[in-house]
C-alpha atoms as a PDB file:
ATOM      1  CA  MET A   1      12.417  -9.354  -8.022  1.00  0.00           C
ATOM      2  CA  ASN A   2      13.277  -9.249  -4.332  1.00  0.00           C
ATOM      3  CA  THR A   3      11.607 -11.591  -1.920  1.00  0.00           C
ATOM      4  CA  PHE A   4       9.898  -9.505   0.718  1.00  0.00           C
ATOM      5  CA  GLN A   5      11.844  -9.328   3.953  1.00  0.00           C
ATOM      6  CA  PRO A   6       9.713  -8.663   7.032  1.00  0.00           C
ATOM      7  CA  ILE A   7      12.186  -6.211   8.554  1.00  0.00           C
ATOM      8  CA  PRO A   8      13.045  -3.550   5.995  1.00  0.00           C
ATOM      9  CA  ASN A   9      16.428  -1.994   6.270  1.00  0.00           C
ATOM     10  CA  LEU A  10      15.497   1.546   5.248  1.00  0.00           C
ATOM     11  CA  TYR A  11      12.880   3.715   6.870  1.00  0.00           C
ATOM     12  CA  LEU A  12      11.681   6.689   4.896  1.00  0.00           C
ATOM     13  CA  GLY A  13      10.467   9.752   6.643  1.00  0.00           C
ATOM     14  CA  SER A  14      12.935  12.568   6.474  1.00  0.00           C
ATOM     15  CA  GLY A  15      13.338  12.953   2.750  1.00  0.00           C
ATOM     16  CA  LEU A  16      15.533  10.819   0.602  1.00  0.00           C
ATOM     17  CA  ASP A  17      18.288  11.753  -1.792  1.00  0.00           C
ATOM     18  CA  ALA A  18      19.454   8.273  -2.718  1.00  0.00           C
ATOM     19  CA  ILE A  19      18.769   4.696  -1.681  1.00  0.00           C
ATOM     20  CA  PRO A  20      21.879   2.838  -0.553  1.00  0.00           C
ATOM     21  CA  ALA A  21      22.755  -0.205  -2.672  1.00  0.00           C
ATOM     22  CA  ASP A  22      22.395  -2.676   0.206  1.00  0.00           C
ATOM     23  CA  VAL A  23      18.767  -1.754   0.966  1.00  0.00           C
ATOM     24  CA  GLY A  24      16.256  -4.423   0.010  1.00  0.00           C
ATOM     25  CA  GLY A  25      13.053  -3.167   1.631  1.00  0.00           C
ATOM     26  CA  ILE A  26      11.405   0.144   2.378  1.00  0.00           C
ATOM     27  CA  CYS A  27       9.223   1.183   5.290  1.00  0.00           C
ATOM     28  CA  VAL A  28       7.359   4.431   4.706  1.00  0.00           C
ATOM     29  CA  VAL A  29       6.646   5.920   8.127  1.00  0.00           C
ATOM     30  CA  VAL A  30       3.912   8.547   8.169  1.00  0.00           C
ATOM     31  CA  SER A  31       3.860  10.659  11.322  1.00  0.00           C
ATOM     32  CA  ARG A  32       0.709  11.768  13.079  1.00  0.00           C
ATOM     33  CA  ASP A  33       1.763  15.366  12.447  1.00  0.00           C
ATOM     34  CA  GLU A  34       1.835  14.714   8.689  1.00  0.00           C
ATOM     35  CA  VAL A  35      -1.671  13.276   8.912  1.00  0.00           C
ATOM     36  CA  ASP A  36      -3.115  15.945  11.213  1.00  0.00           C
ATOM     37  CA  ASN A  37      -1.721  18.729   9.018  1.00  0.00           C
ATOM     38  CA  PRO A  38      -2.113  16.960   5.683  1.00  0.00           C
ATOM     39  CA  ARG A  39       1.322  17.046   4.104  1.00  0.00           C
ATOM     40  CA  VAL A  40       1.917  14.256   1.618  1.00  0.00           C
ATOM     41  CA  GLY A  41       4.815  15.951  -0.150  1.00  0.00           C
ATOM     42  CA  ARG A  42       7.594  14.199   1.772  1.00  0.00           C
ATOM     43  CA  SER A  43       6.027  10.778   1.241  1.00  0.00           C
ATOM     44  CA  VAL A  44       5.401  11.482  -2.444  1.00  0.00           C
ATOM     45  CA  ASP A  45       8.997  12.660  -2.896  1.00  0.00           C
ATOM     46  CA  ASP A  46      10.375   9.564  -1.155  1.00  0.00           C
ATOM     47  CA  LEU A  47       8.103   7.187  -3.068  1.00  0.00           C
ATOM     48  CA  MET A  48       8.952   8.829  -6.399  1.00  0.00           C
ATOM     49  CA  HIS A  49      12.542   7.660  -5.879  1.00  0.00           C
ATOM     50  CA  LEU A  50      11.268   4.097  -6.034  1.00  0.00           C
ATOM     51  CA  CYS A  51       9.749   4.471  -9.480  1.00  0.00           C
ATOM     52  CA  GLY A  52      12.188   6.991 -10.932  1.00  0.00           C
ATOM     53  CA  THR A  53      14.396   4.399 -12.595  1.00  0.00           C
ATOM     54  CA  ARG A  54      13.962   0.903 -13.977  1.00  0.00           C
ATOM     55  CA  GLU A  55      16.577  -0.350 -11.516  1.00  0.00           C
ATOM     56  CA  ASN A  56      14.682   0.922  -8.470  1.00  0.00           C
ATOM     57  CA  THR A  57      11.331  -0.148  -9.891  1.00  0.00           C
ATOM     58  CA  GLU A  58      12.618  -3.709 -10.276  1.00  0.00           C
ATOM     59  CA  ARG A  59      14.577  -3.686  -7.030  1.00  0.00           C
ATOM     60  CA  PHE A  60      11.731  -2.542  -4.784  1.00  0.00           C
ATOM     61  CA  ALA A  61       8.895  -4.525  -6.327  1.00  0.00           C
ATOM     62  CA  SER A  62       6.627  -5.885  -3.571  1.00  0.00           C
ATOM     63  CA  SER A  63       8.916  -4.521  -0.853  1.00  0.00           C
ATOM     64  CA  VAL A  64       7.260  -1.417   0.620  1.00  0.00           C
ATOM     65  CA  LEU A  65       5.558  -1.297   4.006  1.00  0.00           C
ATOM     66  CA  LEU A  66       3.337   1.623   4.988  1.00  0.00           C
ATOM     67  CA  VAL A  67       3.195   2.506   8.700  1.00  0.00           C
ATOM     68  CA  PHE A  68       1.330   5.229  10.550  1.00  0.00           C
ATOM     69  CA  ASP A  69       3.220   6.397  13.623  1.00  0.00           C
ATOM     70  CA  GLY A  70       1.344   7.889  16.567  1.00  0.00           C
ATOM     71  CA  TYR A  71      -1.863   5.847  16.431  1.00  0.00           C
ATOM     72  CA  ASN A  72      -0.940   2.938  18.709  1.00  0.00           C
ATOM     73  CA  ASP A  73      -3.325   4.145  21.430  1.00  0.00           C
ATOM     74  CA  ASP A  74      -6.220   4.673  19.020  1.00  0.00           C
ATOM     75  CA  PRO A  75      -8.554   1.647  19.127  1.00  0.00           C
ATOM     76  CA  ARG A  76      -9.707   2.241  15.545  1.00  0.00           C
ATOM     77  CA  ALA A  77      -8.117   0.628  12.530  1.00  0.00           C
ATOM     78  CA  ILE A  78      -6.219   3.051  10.285  1.00  0.00           C
ATOM     79  CA  HIS A  79      -8.973   2.829   7.642  1.00  0.00           C
ATOM     80  CA  GLU A  80     -11.494   3.980  10.266  1.00  0.00           C
ATOM     81  CA  ILE A  81      -9.599   7.188  11.072  1.00  0.00           C
ATOM     82  CA  PRO A  82     -10.879   9.974   8.777  1.00  0.00           C
ATOM     83  CA  GLU A  83      -7.576  11.887   8.798  1.00  0.00           C
ATOM     84  CA  CYS A  84      -5.617   8.769   7.777  1.00  0.00           C
ATOM     85  CA  ARG A  85      -8.129   8.024   5.024  1.00  0.00           C
ATOM     86  CA  GLN A  86      -7.760  11.589   3.738  1.00  0.00           C
ATOM     87  CA  TYR A  87      -3.971  11.358   3.877  1.00  0.00           C
ATOM     88  CA  LEU A  88      -3.924   8.084   1.923  1.00  0.00           C
ATOM     89  CA  ALA A  89      -6.379   9.439  -0.648  1.00  0.00           C
ATOM     90  CA  GLN A  90      -4.141  12.475  -1.214  1.00  0.00           C
ATOM     91  CA  LEU A  91      -1.020  10.306  -1.374  1.00  0.00           C
ATOM     92  CA  HIS A  92      -2.658   7.856  -3.762  1.00  0.00           C
ATOM     93  CA  ALA A  93      -3.801  10.704  -6.036  1.00  0.00           C
ATOM     94  CA  GLN A  94      -0.142  11.648  -6.550  1.00  0.00           C
ATOM     95  CA  TRP A  95       1.459   8.193  -6.368  1.00  0.00           C
ATOM     96  CA  PRO A  96      -0.821   5.294  -7.465  1.00  0.00           C
ATOM     97  CA  TYR A  97       1.828   2.561  -7.846  1.00  0.00           C
ATOM     98  CA  TRP A  98       0.838   0.441  -4.828  1.00  0.00           C
ATOM     99  CA  MET A  99       0.094  -2.656  -6.918  1.00  0.00           C
ATOM    100  CA  HIS A 100       3.757  -2.822  -7.919  1.00  0.00           C
ATOM    101  CA  PHE A 101       5.440  -1.738  -4.691  1.00  0.00           C
ATOM    102  CA  LEU A 102       3.294  -2.602  -1.651  1.00  0.00           C
ATOM    103  CA  ALA A 103       4.469  -5.731   0.148  1.00  0.00           C
ATOM    104  CA  PRO A 104       2.158  -8.712  -0.407  1.00  0.00           C
ATOM    105  CA  ILE A 105       0.976  -8.726   3.191  1.00  0.00           C
ATOM    106  CA  PRO A 106      -2.811  -8.932   3.587  1.00  0.00           C
ATOM    107  CA  ASP A 107      -2.912  -6.449   6.496  1.00  0.00           C
ATOM    108  CA  GLN A 108      -1.059  -3.868   4.403  1.00  0.00           C
ATOM    109  CA  TRP A 109      -3.450  -4.346   1.502  1.00  0.00           C
ATOM    110  CA  SER A 110      -6.490  -4.295   3.763  1.00  0.00           C
ATOM    111  CA  MET A 111      -5.392  -0.984   5.300  1.00  0.00           C
ATOM    112  CA  LEU A 112      -4.753   0.573   1.890  1.00  0.00           C
ATOM    113  CA  LEU A 113      -7.862  -0.682   0.105  1.00  0.00           C
ATOM    114  CA  LEU A 114     -10.284   0.040   2.938  1.00  0.00           C
ATOM    115  CA  SER A 115      -8.783   3.521   3.285  1.00  0.00           C
ATOM    116  CA  LEU A 116      -9.206   4.288  -0.412  1.00  0.00           C
ATOM    117  CA  LEU A 117     -12.734   2.903  -0.717  1.00  0.00           C
ATOM    118  CA  PRO A 118     -15.799   4.773   0.518  1.00  0.00           C
ATOM    119  CA  GLN A 119     -16.154   4.159   4.259  1.00  0.00           C
ATOM    120  CA  ALA A 120     -16.693   0.449   4.878  1.00  0.00           C
ATOM    121  CA  GLN A 121     -19.338  -0.666   7.330  1.00  0.00           C
ATOM    122  CA  ARG A 122     -18.036  -2.568  10.321  1.00  0.00           C
ATOM    123  CA  ILE A 123     -20.098  -5.701  10.950  1.00  0.00           C
ATOM    124  CA  THR A 124     -19.990  -8.366  13.618  1.00  0.00           C
ATOM    125  CA  MET A 125     -20.415 -11.888  12.340  1.00  0.00           C
ATOM    126  CA  PRO A 126     -22.471 -14.529  14.189  1.00  0.00           C
ATOM    127  CA  ASN A 127     -19.241 -16.083  15.472  1.00  0.00           C
ATOM    128  CA  GLY A 128     -18.169 -12.740  16.975  1.00  0.00           C
ATOM    129  CA  ALA A 129     -15.558 -11.954  14.330  1.00  0.00           C
ATOM    130  CA  VAL A 130     -15.494  -8.347  13.076  1.00  0.00           C
ATOM    131  CA  ALA A 131     -15.374  -7.710   9.342  1.00  0.00           C
ATOM    132  CA  SER A 132     -15.614  -4.754   6.981  1.00  0.00           C
ATOM    133  CA  GLN A 133     -18.399  -4.620   4.432  1.00  0.00           C
ATOM    134  CA  TYR A 134     -17.595  -2.515   1.366  1.00  0.00           C
ATOM    135  CA  ASP A 135     -19.143  -1.802  -2.018  1.00  0.00           C
ATOM    136  CA  GLU A 136     -17.857  -4.432  -4.455  1.00  0.00           C
ATOM    137  CA  GLN A 137     -18.240  -2.151  -7.492  1.00  0.00           C
ATOM    138  CA  HIS A 138     -16.002   0.458  -5.859  1.00  0.00           C
ATOM    139  CA  MET A 139     -13.478  -2.296  -5.077  1.00  0.00           C
ATOM    140  CA  ARG A 140     -13.446  -3.441  -8.727  1.00  0.00           C
ATOM    141  CA  GLU A 141     -12.915   0.144  -9.887  1.00  0.00           C
ATOM    142  CA  LEU A 142     -10.087   0.687  -7.387  1.00  0.00           C
ATOM    143  CA  LEU A 143      -8.346  -2.550  -8.390  1.00  0.00           C
ATOM    144  CA  LEU A 144      -8.672  -1.609 -12.058  1.00  0.00           C
ATOM    145  CA  HIS A 145      -7.124   1.800 -11.305  1.00  0.00           C
ATOM    146  CA  LEU A 146      -4.259   0.204  -9.322  1.00  0.00           C
ATOM    147  CA  THR A 147      -3.626  -2.334 -12.081  1.00  0.00           C
ATOM    148  CA  SER A 148      -3.663   0.344 -14.770  1.00  0.00           C
ATOM    149  CA  ALA A 149      -1.122   2.444 -12.851  1.00  0.00           C
ATOM    150  CA  MET A 150       1.096  -0.623 -12.410  1.00  0.00           C
ATOM    151  CA  ASN A 151       0.844  -1.518 -16.105  1.00  0.00           C
ATOM    152  CA  ASN A 152       1.756   2.055 -17.089  1.00  0.00           C
ATOM    153  CA  LEU A 153       4.773   1.920 -14.752  1.00  0.00           C
ATOM    154  CA  HIS A 154       5.854  -1.411 -16.255  1.00  0.00           C
ATOM    155  CA  LYS A 155       5.497  -0.046 -19.772  1.00  0.00           C
ATOM    156  CA  GLN A 156       7.411   3.131 -18.888  1.00  0.00           C
ATOM    157  CA  HIS A 157      10.368   1.134 -17.541  1.00  0.00           C
ATOM    158  CA  GLY A 158      10.203  -1.858 -19.869  1.00  0.00           C
ATOM    159  CA  ILE A 159       9.653  -4.331 -17.021  1.00  0.00           C
ATOM    160  CA  GLU A 160       9.888  -7.893 -18.279  1.00  0.00           C
ATOM    161  CA  ARG A 161       6.583  -9.723 -18.623  1.00  0.00           C
ATOM    162  CA  ALA A 162       7.600 -12.493 -16.188  1.00  0.00           C
ATOM    163  CA  GLN A 163       8.464 -10.010 -13.434  1.00  0.00           C
ATOM    164  CA  ALA A 164       5.319  -7.987 -14.102  1.00  0.00           C
ATOM    165  CA  LYS A 165       3.208 -11.142 -13.825  1.00  0.00           C
ATOM    166  CA  GLN A 166       4.914 -12.188 -10.584  1.00  0.00           C
ATOM    167  CA  VAL A 167       4.377  -8.761  -9.002  1.00  0.00           C
ATOM    168  CA  PHE A 168       0.720  -8.787 -10.046  1.00  0.00           C
ATOM    169  CA  ASP A 169       0.166 -12.371  -8.848  1.00  0.00           C
ATOM    170  CA  ASP A 170       1.770 -11.622  -5.456  1.00  0.00           C
ATOM    171  CA  ALA A 171      -0.380  -8.514  -4.965  1.00  0.00           C
ATOM    172  CA  ILE A 172      -3.563 -10.307  -6.009  1.00  0.00           C
ATOM    173  CA  ALA A 173      -2.815 -13.206  -3.654  1.00  0.00           C
ATOM    174  CA  ALA A 174      -2.519 -10.768  -0.727  1.00  0.00           C
ATOM    175  CA  ILE A 175      -5.655  -8.911  -1.827  1.00  0.00           C
ATOM    176  CA  ASP A 176      -7.557 -12.187  -2.124  1.00  0.00           C
ATOM    177  CA  GLN A 177      -6.561 -13.084   1.426  1.00  0.00           C
ATOM    178  CA  CYS A 178      -7.856  -9.809   2.849  1.00  0.00           C
ATOM    179  CA  THR A 179     -11.062  -9.771   0.791  1.00  0.00           C
ATOM    180  CA  ALA A 180     -11.980 -13.442   1.173  1.00  0.00           C
ATOM    181  CA  PRO A 181     -15.628 -14.167   1.949  1.00  0.00           C
ATOM    182  CA  ASN A 182     -14.526 -15.967   5.128  1.00  0.00           C
ATOM    183  CA  PRO A 183     -14.499 -13.228   7.818  1.00  0.00           C
ATOM    184  CA  ALA A 184     -11.773 -15.103   9.700  1.00  0.00           C
ATOM    185  CA  LYS A 185      -9.448 -14.119   6.845  1.00  0.00           C
ATOM    186  CA  ARG A 186     -10.231 -10.384   7.023  1.00  0.00           C
END
């Protein structure tokens, strides 16, 4: 399994025929136009290359970043933007393998999970910190779905148990950091 590198060396966004051998990380860039006119096909096509072979599945474990381009001036978090939530829901419906591929970065996991859950309530803590309050049952169901998709992918490609455990542990560690009861960690 690759160790995540903070600066990926391949940005997806214009369709992908093959991934060069020297690429160790992937950044999926979703344009505002793709979100405003919901078109997940290009992202699904690009992401399918990652899980199309055992080699790519192993190579890009825990190495995908998801970025929304065109929202820098919007004060809302991505999970608070209805169009982004809809886009991610449509993308997830066609490609549910985040648990295996998404980089173990709490902010990435927070964006994904809060976008896929029913709208979280924004709360201000006594210390002034802002947190998101979500339904824990929905979170359990989502994590079960993500884990099931990952396990099916591992079974399909015969991923070794040790690698599968490492990928799962890395994802859960990032998820734990962004769902910790301490609002300073959210």
